[in-house]
């Protein structure tokens, strides 16, 4: 009996079938009307690699992964430096998905190369003076008391994430909010 390895066409066919199976599982596991099509596939370092579904919520909470556009100047700079891909946001960037670490009323202290959150649990994250290519990075140094409609986004998955530790709190947008659920992220 002679063994042969599968052809590229056979491998491609197997991958397509597996993709349909995974998609069906994601759709079946979501409550009716709460899944978007297609499922969101995260490939960034800010969250674990994998499939997520996009759902609407009307009340944001710490731990949710917010899917939003960055403010105009921040988004354009992020695209220029390669931190965010081009996309459909008004500033030309793609939407980001980052965990919400602080909300209205929380105090965020950015100093001495670290971020400390008071009011929503203690989370610390390093702040780097330079990115991986050696380019200088600004930081959101200071004490920030978050106002209504603001949130502080901070990746707890990657210490190198380009998030609020570099650009400060941002507007969370308007209700309904779009969040990512899956791969261990918190579901509403």
Protein backbone atom coordinates (compact mmCIF):
# COMPACT_ATOMS: atom_id res chain seq x y z
CA UNK A 1 0.00 0.00 0.00
CA UNK A 2 1.38 3.34 -1.04
CA UNK A 3 0.89 6.52 1.03
CA UNK A 4 0.63 9.90 -0.60
CA UNK A 5 0.25 13.36 0.87
CA UNK A 6 -2.93 15.34 0.19
CA UNK A 7 -2.89 17.85 -2.64
CA UNK A 8 -3.26 21.58 -2.10
CA UNK A 9 -6.79 21.39 -3.46
CA UNK A 10 -7.72 18.71 -0.91
CA UNK A 11 -6.22 20.77 1.94
CA UNK A 12 -8.09 23.85 0.72
CA UNK A 13 -11.35 21.88 0.62
CA UNK A 14 -10.82 20.60 4.16
CA UNK A 15 -10.16 24.15 5.40
CA UNK A 16 -13.35 25.42 3.75
CA UNK A 17 -15.43 22.66 5.36
CA UNK A 18 -13.84 23.38 8.77
CA UNK A 19 -14.60 27.09 8.31
CA UNK A 20 -18.27 26.31 7.68
CA UNK A 21 -18.42 24.07 10.75
CA UNK A 22 -16.84 26.72 13.00
CA UNK A 23 -19.18 29.39 11.60
CA UNK A 24 -22.21 27.18 12.21
CA UNK A 25 -21.12 26.56 15.81
CA UNK A 26 -20.65 30.30 16.42
CA UNK A 27 -24.08 31.11 14.97
CA UNK A 28 -25.81 28.32 16.91
CA UNK A 29 -24.20 29.36 20.21
CA UNK A 30 -25.37 32.99 19.90
CA UNK A 31 -28.77 34.12 21.16
CA UNK A 32 -31.21 34.89 18.35
CA UNK A 33 -30.58 38.24 16.71
CA UNK A 34 -27.34 38.88 18.58
CA UNK A 35 -24.73 37.68 16.13
CA UNK A 36 -23.28 39.59 13.25
CA UNK A 37 -22.26 38.10 9.96
CA UNK A 38 -19.50 37.30 9.30
CA UNK A 39 -17.99 36.53 12.71
CA UNK A 40 -15.11 38.85 13.54
CA UNK A 41 -11.69 37.23 13.32
CA UNK A 42 -9.09 38.90 15.52
CA UNK A 43 -5.50 38.74 14.31
CA UNK A 44 -4.11 41.65 16.38
CA UNK A 45 -1.99 41.29 19.51
CA UNK A 46 -4.52 43.22 21.64
CA UNK A 47 -6.78 40.18 22.12
CA UNK A 48 -6.29 36.45 21.90
CA UNK A 49 -6.27 35.18 18.31
CA UNK A 50 -9.60 33.74 17.27
CA UNK A 51 -13.26 34.13 16.35
CA UNK A 52 -15.46 36.70 18.06
CA UNK A 53 -19.03 37.72 17.51
CA UNK A 54 -20.11 41.34 17.47
CA UNK A 55 -23.10 42.16 19.62
CA UNK A 56 -24.95 45.31 20.69
CA UNK A 57 -25.24 46.40 24.30
CA UNK A 58 -26.83 49.50 25.78
CA UNK A 59 -24.83 49.59 29.01
CA UNK A 60 -21.04 49.29 28.88
CA UNK A 61 -19.20 47.58 31.71
CA UNK A 62 -15.57 47.09 32.66
CA UNK A 63 -14.22 43.96 30.99
CA UNK A 64 -16.25 44.30 27.80
CA UNK A 65 -14.21 44.49 24.60
CA UNK A 66 -15.37 47.66 22.84
CA UNK A 67 -15.32 47.71 19.05
CA UNK A 68 -15.00 51.33 18.00
CA UNK A 69 -13.28 53.87 15.79
CA UNK A 70 -10.40 55.84 17.25
CA UNK A 71 -10.67 59.65 17.37
CA UNK A 72 -9.65 61.32 14.08
CA UNK A 73 -6.03 62.33 14.78
CA UNK A 74 -5.23 59.23 16.81
CA UNK A 75 -6.65 56.94 14.12
CA UNK A 76 -4.74 58.64 11.30
CA UNK A 77 -1.46 58.46 13.25
CA UNK A 78 -2.09 54.80 14.14
CA UNK A 79 -2.58 53.94 10.45
CA UNK A 80 0.55 55.87 9.41
CA UNK A 81 2.67 54.00 11.95
CA UNK A 82 1.13 50.63 11.15
CA UNK A 83 -0.52 50.11 14.56
CA UNK A 84 -4.00 49.87 12.96
CA UNK A 85 -4.98 48.79 9.45
CA UNK A 86 -6.84 51.02 7.02
CA UNK A 87 -10.59 50.66 7.27
CA UNK A 88 -14.02 52.21 7.13
CA UNK A 89 -13.82 54.62 10.09
CA UNK A 90 -14.17 58.33 9.20
CA UNK A 91 -10.42 58.80 9.85
CA UNK A 92 -9.54 56.00 7.40
CA UNK A 93 -8.61 53.46 10.07
CA UNK A 94 -10.14 50.10 10.88
CA UNK A 95 -12.22 49.68 14.02
CA UNK A 96 -10.30 48.51 17.05
CA UNK A 97 -11.32 45.98 19.69
CA UNK A 98 -9.91 46.75 23.13
CA UNK A 99 -10.96 45.82 26.66
CA UNK A 100 -12.61 48.54 28.75
CA UNK A 101 -10.66 48.94 31.97
CA UNK A 102 -12.22 52.17 33.30
CA UNK A 103 -15.49 54.05 32.86
CA UNK A 104 -17.21 57.21 34.12
CA UNK A 105 -16.07 58.14 37.63
CA UNK A 106 -12.98 55.94 37.62
CA UNK A 107 -9.55 57.48 38.17
CA UNK A 108 -6.68 56.46 35.93
CA UNK A 109 -3.15 57.49 36.87
CA UNK A 110 -0.53 57.37 34.13
CA UNK A 111 2.95 58.05 35.53
CA UNK A 112 6.41 56.61 35.97
CA UNK A 113 6.00 54.34 32.97
CA UNK A 114 2.91 52.63 34.46
CA UNK A 115 -0.89 52.80 34.39
CA UNK A 116 -2.90 52.36 37.57
CA UNK A 117 -6.69 52.18 37.62
CA UNK A 118 -8.54 53.16 40.79
CA UNK A 119 -12.25 52.50 41.11
CA UNK A 120 -12.40 49.51 38.80
CA UNK A 121 -9.80 47.18 40.22
CA UNK A 122 -6.08 47.53 40.13
CA UNK A 123 -4.59 46.93 36.71
CA UNK A 124 -1.05 47.86 35.91
CA UNK A 125 0.50 48.03 32.48
CA UNK A 126 3.91 49.25 31.35
CA UNK A 127 4.25 52.33 29.18
CA UNK A 128 7.09 52.30 26.69
CA UNK A 129 8.92 55.39 25.48
CA UNK A 130 9.53 53.78 22.08
CA UNK A 131 7.65 51.34 19.85
CA UNK A 132 9.21 48.12 18.56
CA UNK A 133 10.77 50.04 15.65
CA UNK A 134 12.45 52.54 17.97
CA UNK A 135 10.04 55.43 17.22
CA UNK A 136 9.12 57.61 20.19
CA UNK A 137 5.68 57.19 21.73
CA UNK A 138 3.67 59.84 23.56
CA UNK A 139 1.97 58.84 26.77
CA UNK A 140 -1.22 60.02 28.44
CA UNK A 141 0.75 61.06 31.55
CA UNK A 142 -1.32 62.49 34.38
CA UNK A 143 -4.40 61.76 36.42
CA UNK A 144 -7.61 61.21 34.45
CA UNK A 145 -11.01 61.20 36.13
CA UNK A 146 -13.29 59.77 33.47
CA UNK A 147 -16.30 61.87 32.51
CA UNK A 148 -19.69 60.57 31.35
CA UNK A 149 -19.32 58.86 27.97
CA UNK A 150 -15.57 58.26 28.34
CA UNK A 151 -13.73 54.98 28.67
CA UNK A 152 -10.12 53.92 29.10
CA UNK A 153 -9.09 51.05 26.83
CA UNK A 154 -6.21 48.84 27.88
CA UNK A 155 -5.10 45.50 26.49
CA UNK A 156 -4.32 43.07 29.27
CA UNK A 157 -3.32 40.53 26.62
CA UNK A 158 -0.36 42.42 25.15
CA UNK A 159 1.93 44.89 26.91
CA UNK A 160 2.74 46.37 23.47
CA UNK A 161 -0.84 47.27 22.53
CA UNK A 162 -1.47 50.79 21.25
CA UNK A 163 -4.25 51.80 23.61
CA UNK A 164 -5.35 54.51 26.06
CA UNK A 165 -2.05 54.43 27.95
CA UNK A 166 -0.67 56.34 24.94
CA UNK A 167 -3.63 58.51 23.89
CA UNK A 168 -5.75 58.78 27.06
CA UNK A 169 -9.46 58.23 27.60
CA UNK A 170 -11.68 58.32 24.53
CA UNK A 171 -15.37 58.80 23.89
CA UNK A 172 -17.09 55.43 24.03
CA UNK A 173 -19.40 56.51 21.23
CA UNK A 174 -23.15 56.43 21.44
CA UNK A 175 -25.55 53.74 22.55
CA UNK A 176 -25.98 51.07 21.32
CA UNK A 177 -22.38 50.02 21.72
CA UNK A 178 -20.76 47.23 19.77
CA UNK A 179 -18.67 44.76 21.72
CA UNK A 180 -16.79 41.59 20.85
CA UNK A 181 -17.70 38.35 22.59
CA UNK A 182 -15.76 35.10 22.30
CA UNK A 183 -12.40 33.51 23.07
CA UNK A 184 -12.93 34.11 26.76
CA UNK A 185 -14.02 37.77 26.53
CA UNK A 186 -16.87 38.74 28.79
CA UNK A 187 -20.40 38.33 27.44
CA UNK A 188 -23.30 40.57 28.44
